[in-house]
Amino acid sequence: MNLAEAVLEKEYKIVAIETDDEEMESFLFSLGCYSGEPITVISHLKGGCVVSIKDARYNFDMQLAEAIQITEAA
């Protein structure tokens, strides 16, 4: 499951970042978005979603959201 398919206000755990774009992967890493980190979708927007990672909120477009693979948090 990817971030674009996530249910609002539910906490998930990032499993992997699936992209061949190293720049995108390093950008996500700099935001604290990497495997094992909790992530919550605050809002779905027309072109992406707003997420909460480590007490910060970010607006991800669909390309970023689809690259982030998640699973339900335990």
C-alpha atoms as a PDB file:
ATOM      1  CA  MET A   1       0.000   0.000   0.000  1.00  0.00           C
ATOM      2  CA  ASN A   2       1.275   3.481  -0.731  1.00  0.00           C
ATOM      3  CA  LEU A   3       0.668   6.799   1.005  1.00  0.00           C
ATOM      4  CA  ALA A   4      -1.853   7.964  -1.614  1.00  0.00           C
ATOM      5  CA  GLU A   5      -4.151   5.100  -0.506  1.00  0.00           C
ATOM      6  CA  ALA A   6      -3.898   5.815   3.233  1.00  0.00           C
ATOM      7  CA  VAL A   7      -6.903   6.475   5.470  1.00  0.00           C
ATOM      8  CA  LEU A   8      -7.040   9.935   7.058  1.00  0.00           C
ATOM      9  CA  GLU A   9      -5.815  10.394  10.657  1.00  0.00           C
ATOM     10  CA  LYS A  10      -4.550   6.803  10.903  1.00  0.00           C
ATOM     11  CA  GLU A  11      -0.911   6.194  11.833  1.00  0.00           C
ATOM     12  CA  TYR A  12       1.142   4.069   9.467  1.00  0.00           C
ATOM     13  CA  LYS A  13       4.746   2.913   9.404  1.00  0.00           C
ATOM     14  CA  ILE A  14       6.931   3.601   6.376  1.00  0.00           C
ATOM     15  CA  VAL A  15       8.122   0.319   4.873  1.00  0.00           C
ATOM     16  CA  ALA A  16      10.121   1.587   1.889  1.00  0.00           C
ATOM     17  CA  ILE A  17      10.653   4.414  -0.569  1.00  0.00           C
ATOM     18  CA  GLU A  18      10.228   3.003  -4.083  1.00  0.00           C
ATOM     19  CA  THR A  19      11.896   5.328  -6.551  1.00  0.00           C
ATOM     20  CA  ASP A  20      14.860   5.362  -8.907  1.00  0.00           C
ATOM     21  CA  ASP A  21      15.242   9.108  -8.327  1.00  0.00           C
ATOM     22  CA  GLU A  22      18.091   9.506  -5.810  1.00  0.00           C
ATOM     23  CA  GLU A  23      17.349  13.209  -5.396  1.00  0.00           C
ATOM     24  CA  MET A  24      13.752  12.449  -4.345  1.00  0.00           C
ATOM     25  CA  GLU A  25      14.935   9.760  -1.946  1.00  0.00           C
ATOM     26  CA  SER A  26      17.472  12.069  -0.281  1.00  0.00           C
ATOM     27  CA  PHE A  27      14.860  14.845  -0.069  1.00  0.00           C
ATOM     28  CA  LEU A  28      12.426  12.519   1.717  1.00  0.00           C
ATOM     29  CA  PHE A  29      15.202  11.323   4.020  1.00  0.00           C
ATOM     30  CA  SER A  30      16.006  14.933   4.953  1.00  0.00           C
ATOM     31  CA  LEU A  31      12.359  15.348   6.045  1.00  0.00           C
ATOM     32  CA  GLY A  32      12.594  12.285   8.288  1.00  0.00           C
ATOM     33  CA  CYS A  33      10.669  10.130   5.840  1.00  0.00           C
ATOM     34  CA  TYR A  34      12.466   6.766   5.806  1.00  0.00           C
ATOM     35  CA  SER A  35      11.823   3.118   6.597  1.00  0.00           C
ATOM     36  CA  GLY A  36      10.532   2.446  10.101  1.00  0.00           C
ATOM     37  CA  GLU A  37       9.236   5.980  10.787  1.00  0.00           C
ATOM     38  CA  PRO A  38       5.590   6.619  11.678  1.00  0.00           C
ATOM     39  CA  ILE A  39       3.561   8.782   9.280  1.00  0.00           C
ATOM     40  CA  THR A  40      -0.030  10.058   9.362  1.00  0.00           C
ATOM     41  CA  VAL A  41      -2.096  11.477   6.500  1.00  0.00           C
ATOM     42  CA  ILE A  42      -3.826  14.645   7.725  1.00  0.00           C
ATOM     43  CA  SER A  43      -5.651  15.507   4.503  1.00  0.00           C
ATOM     44  CA  HIS A  44      -6.045  14.297   0.913  1.00  0.00           C
ATOM     45  CA  LEU A  45      -5.819  17.075  -1.655  1.00  0.00           C
ATOM     46  CA  LYS A  46      -6.610  17.090  -5.362  1.00  0.00           C
ATOM     47  CA  GLY A  47      -2.942  16.767  -6.334  1.00  0.00           C
ATOM     48  CA  GLY A  48      -1.542  14.959  -3.272  1.00  0.00           C
ATOM     49  CA  CYS A  49      -1.826  14.881   0.497  1.00  0.00           C
ATOM     50  CA  VAL A  50      -0.750  16.588   3.715  1.00  0.00           C
ATOM     51  CA  VAL A  51       1.195  14.331   6.082  1.00  0.00           C
ATOM     52  CA  SER A  52       2.572  14.512   9.583  1.00  0.00           C
ATOM     53  CA  ILE A  53       6.098  13.204  10.195  1.00  0.00           C
ATOM     54  CA  LYS A  54       7.969  13.826  13.442  1.00  0.00           C
ATOM     55  CA  ASP A  55       5.651  16.649  14.614  1.00  0.00           C
ATOM     56  CA  ALA A  56       5.959  18.482  11.280  1.00  0.00           C
ATOM     57  CA  ARG A  57       3.476  18.748   8.419  1.00  0.00           C
ATOM     58  CA  TYR A  58       4.347  18.484   4.743  1.00  0.00           C
ATOM     59  CA  ASN A  59       2.393  18.662   1.505  1.00  0.00           C
ATOM     60  CA  PHE A  60       3.380  15.781  -0.827  1.00  0.00           C
ATOM     61  CA  ASP A  61       2.337  15.632  -4.462  1.00  0.00           C
ATOM     62  CA  MET A  62       1.014  12.360  -5.898  1.00  0.00           C
ATOM     63  CA  GLN A  63       4.431  11.308  -7.224  1.00  0.00           C
ATOM     64  CA  LEU A  64       5.946  11.498  -3.726  1.00  0.00           C
ATOM     65  CA  ALA A  65       2.892   9.908  -2.084  1.00  0.00           C
ATOM     66  CA  GLU A  66       2.929   6.944  -4.470  1.00  0.00           C
ATOM     67  CA  ALA A  67       6.652   6.351  -3.876  1.00  0.00           C
ATOM     68  CA  ILE A  68       6.183   5.944  -0.100  1.00  0.00           C
ATOM     69  CA  GLN A  69       5.183   2.378   0.779  1.00  0.00           C
ATOM     70  CA  ILE A  70       3.416   1.981   4.136  1.00  0.00           C
ATOM     71  CA  THR A  71       1.889  -0.598   6.451  1.00  0.00           C
ATOM     72  CA  GLU A  72      -0.459  -0.264   9.389  1.00  0.00           C
ATOM     73  CA  ALA A  73       1.316   0.663  12.620  1.00  0.00           C
ATOM     74  CA  ALA A  74       1.248  -2.011  15.304  1.00  0.00           C
END
